[in-house]
Protein backbone atom coordinates (compact mmCIF):
# COMPACT_ATOMS: atom_id res chain seq x y z
CA MET A 1 -29.77 34.65 3.30
CA THR A 2 -29.73 38.35 4.00
CA PHE A 3 -27.35 39.83 6.50
CA ARG A 4 -27.93 43.28 7.94
CA PRO A 5 -25.44 44.64 10.44
CA SER A 6 -26.87 46.39 13.45
CA LYS A 7 -27.12 50.15 13.21
CA LYS A 8 -25.11 50.46 16.40
CA GLU A 9 -22.00 48.71 15.11
CA PRO A 10 -21.78 47.78 11.42
CA SER A 11 -19.12 45.10 11.11
CA CYS A 12 -17.48 43.46 8.11
CA LEU A 13 -16.20 40.83 10.56
CA SER A 14 -19.77 39.87 11.48
CA PHE A 15 -20.62 39.43 7.81
CA PHE A 16 -17.47 37.37 7.25
CA LEU A 17 -18.21 35.09 10.22
CA ALA A 18 -21.80 34.58 9.05
CA ALA A 19 -20.50 33.61 5.59
CA LEU A 20 -18.03 31.20 7.18
CA LEU A 21 -20.76 29.51 9.18
CA VAL A 22 -22.93 29.07 6.10
CA ALA A 23 -19.97 27.77 4.08
CA GLY A 24 -18.96 25.40 6.86
CA THR A 25 -22.35 23.70 7.00
CA THR A 26 -22.26 22.53 3.39
CA SER A 27 -18.98 20.63 3.40
CA PRO A 28 -19.13 17.40 1.37
CA VAL A 29 -16.43 15.96 3.65
CA LYS A 30 -18.65 16.57 6.67
CA ALA A 31 -21.49 14.76 4.91
CA GLN A 32 -19.18 11.80 4.28
CA VAL A 33 -18.04 11.81 7.90
CA ALA A 34 -21.64 11.96 9.10
CA ALA A 35 -22.40 8.91 6.95
CA ALA A 36 -19.39 7.10 8.44
CA ASN A 37 -20.55 8.03 11.95
CA GLN A 38 -23.92 6.43 11.30
CA LYS A 39 -22.31 3.18 10.14
CA ALA A 40 -19.74 2.93 12.97
CA THR A 41 -20.36 0.13 15.43
CA THR A 42 -18.95 -0.62 18.86
CA ASN A 43 -16.55 -3.12 17.24
CA ASP A 44 -15.01 -0.42 15.05
CA VAL A 45 -11.86 1.44 16.03
CA VAL A 46 -12.63 5.12 15.46
CA VAL A 47 -9.94 7.81 15.70
CA LEU A 48 -9.74 11.44 14.63
CA ILE A 49 -7.14 12.57 12.11
CA ASP A 50 -3.91 13.64 13.88
CA GLN A 51 -5.17 12.12 17.14
CA VAL A 52 -4.58 8.82 18.92
CA SER A 53 -6.84 6.18 20.36
CA LEU A 54 -5.96 3.32 22.69
CA VAL A 55 -7.06 -0.27 22.08
CA ARG A 56 -6.65 -2.63 25.02
CA LEU A 57 -6.19 -6.33 24.31
CA ASP A 58 -6.64 -9.45 26.44
CA ARG A 59 -3.30 -11.01 25.43
CA PRO A 60 0.08 -9.87 24.04
CA VAL A 61 0.50 -8.94 20.39
CA ALA A 62 2.90 -10.69 18.01
CA GLU A 63 1.90 -9.08 14.71
CA ILE A 64 -0.18 -6.10 13.53
CA VAL A 65 -1.61 -5.68 10.05
CA VAL A 66 -3.17 -2.40 8.88
CA GLY A 67 -4.97 -2.68 5.54
CA ASN A 68 -3.97 0.81 4.37
CA PRO A 69 -1.08 2.29 6.39
CA SER A 70 -1.58 5.72 4.78
CA ILE A 71 -4.88 6.01 6.72
CA ALA A 72 -3.66 4.95 10.18
CA ASP A 73 -0.56 3.87 12.06
CA VAL A 74 -0.59 1.37 14.91
CA ALA A 75 2.10 0.88 17.55
CA VAL A 76 2.28 -1.52 20.49
CA GLN A 77 2.78 -0.28 24.01
CA SER A 78 3.43 -2.76 26.82
CA GLY A 79 2.38 -5.78 24.72
CA LYS A 80 -1.36 -5.49 25.35
CA VAL A 81 -2.11 -1.87 24.43
CA LEU A 82 -2.25 -0.53 20.87
CA ILE A 83 -1.82 3.14 20.04
CA VAL A 84 -3.75 3.96 16.86
CA THR A 85 -2.89 7.26 15.13
CA GLY A 86 -5.20 8.74 12.50
CA LYS A 87 -3.11 9.87 9.51
CA SER A 88 -5.68 10.51 6.77
CA PHE A 89 -9.46 10.34 6.34
CA GLY A 90 -10.92 7.00 5.43
CA GLU A 91 -11.60 3.42 6.38
CA THR A 92 -9.32 0.42 6.48
CA ASN A 93 -9.03 -2.67 8.64
CA LEU A 94 -6.90 -3.71 11.59
CA ILE A 95 -5.89 -7.29 12.29
CA VAL A 96 -3.92 -8.20 15.42
CA ILE A 97 -2.39 -11.67 15.81
CA ASP A 98 -0.89 -13.33 18.90
CA ALA A 99 2.27 -15.49 19.16
CA GLU A 100 0.29 -18.67 18.32
CA GLY A 101 -1.00 -17.13 15.08
CA LYS A 102 -4.53 -16.67 16.44
CA THR A 103 -6.48 -13.51 15.64
CA ILE A 104 -6.94 -11.27 18.68
CA ILE A 105 -8.98 -8.66 16.82
CA ASP A 106 -10.14 -8.10 13.25
CA ARG A 107 -11.88 -4.72 13.13
CA ARG A 108 -12.75 -1.91 10.80
CA LEU A 109 -10.61 1.18 11.48
CA ILE A 110 -12.25 4.54 10.71
CA VAL A 111 -10.32 7.84 10.67
CA GLN A 112 -12.55 10.92 10.84
CA GLU A 113 -12.09 14.68 10.82
CA PRO A 114 -12.37 16.60 14.10
CA ARG A 115 -15.96 17.56 14.82
CA ALA A 116 -15.80 20.87 16.64
CA GLY A 117 -14.30 24.26 15.95
CA PHE A 118 -13.65 23.83 12.23
CA VAL A 119 -15.06 26.00 9.46
CA THR A 120 -14.71 25.22 5.76
CA VAL A 121 -14.65 28.14 3.31
CA TYR A 122 -15.21 27.66 -0.41
CA ARG A 123 -14.03 30.19 -2.97
CA GLY A 124 -15.25 28.69 -6.22
CA SER A 125 -13.76 25.21 -6.18
CA ALA A 126 -10.91 26.17 -3.81
CA ARG A 127 -11.39 25.06 -0.23
CA GLN A 128 -9.77 26.36 2.96
CA THR A 129 -10.22 25.06 6.49
CA LEU A 130 -10.03 27.28 9.56
CA HIS A 131 -9.98 26.27 13.20
CA CYS A 132 -11.97 28.72 15.30
CA ALA A 133 -11.53 28.49 19.07
CA PRO A 134 -12.34 31.35 19.63
CA TYR A 135 -10.27 33.12 16.94
CA CYS A 136 -10.00 31.65 13.43
CA ALA A 137 -6.64 30.50 12.07
CA PRO A 138 -5.74 28.37 9.04
CA GLU A 139 -5.61 24.62 9.72
CA LEU A 140 -3.67 22.05 7.70
CA MET A 141 -6.45 19.84 6.31
CA ILE A 142 -6.33 17.23 3.56
CA GLY A 143 -8.51 18.38 0.66
CA ASP A 144 -7.77 22.11 0.96
CA ALA A 145 -6.63 24.00 -2.13
CA PRO A 146 -2.99 23.14 -2.96
CA ASP A 147 -1.67 26.72 -2.56
CA ILE A 148 -3.35 27.08 0.85
CA PHE A 149 -2.19 23.62 1.95
CA SER A 150 1.41 24.35 0.88
CA SER A 151 1.43 27.72 2.64
CA VAL A 152 0.12 26.32 5.95
CA SER A 153 2.39 23.27 5.67
CA GLY A 154 5.43 25.50 5.13
CA GLN A 155 4.58 27.59 8.18
CA ILE A 156 4.18 24.48 10.34
CA THR A 157 7.51 23.09 9.11
CA THR A 158 9.25 26.38 9.89
CA LYS A 159 7.71 26.51 13.38
CA GLN A 160 8.75 22.91 14.09
CA SER A 161 12.30 23.65 12.91
CA ILE A 162 12.55 26.67 15.20
CA SER A 163 11.25 24.62 18.13
CA GLN A 164 13.65 21.76 17.41
CA THR A 165 16.63 24.12 17.15
CA ALA A 166 15.69 25.78 20.45
CA ALA A 167 15.27 22.39 22.15
CA GLU A 168 18.64 21.14 20.92
CA GLY A 169 20.37 24.40 21.91
CA GLU A 170 19.28 24.21 25.51
CA LYS A 171 21.49 22.10 27.74
CA PRO A 172 20.76 21.28 31.38
């Protein structure tokens, strides 16, 4: 691919964005997610990482079993509504049992990466994920290079701490 900036306004930013777009289209994670999308059926519970999905049931829940709790978390709301939170990429299963011990649902649970606005940049074997909407900023994404992941994670932790301190300091 050859990139030639316009003679009117040569821009390193334009070159950088073009490189990001090319890098983002070759992500092996995206290929895996695309494969999972093709296999998903209407019976599957599909949720994005760091997002929630609601599952409505026909009778109250007594017990919930998640095959791999590191992939997803499930909570009950009002007895007949499940809140499924995507924690990490992957597939597991979800079994919900009623008070009589009968299975209400037994489904595959798929956690996927968000589909829009993300760009993956590779520098050798090091990977970094950016969220671009419309400006690009680092995003905490499983699979990114450890130094990048730690840096972004530390910034998020600091921001949450500042927010929590401010919230606790304010009294009505």
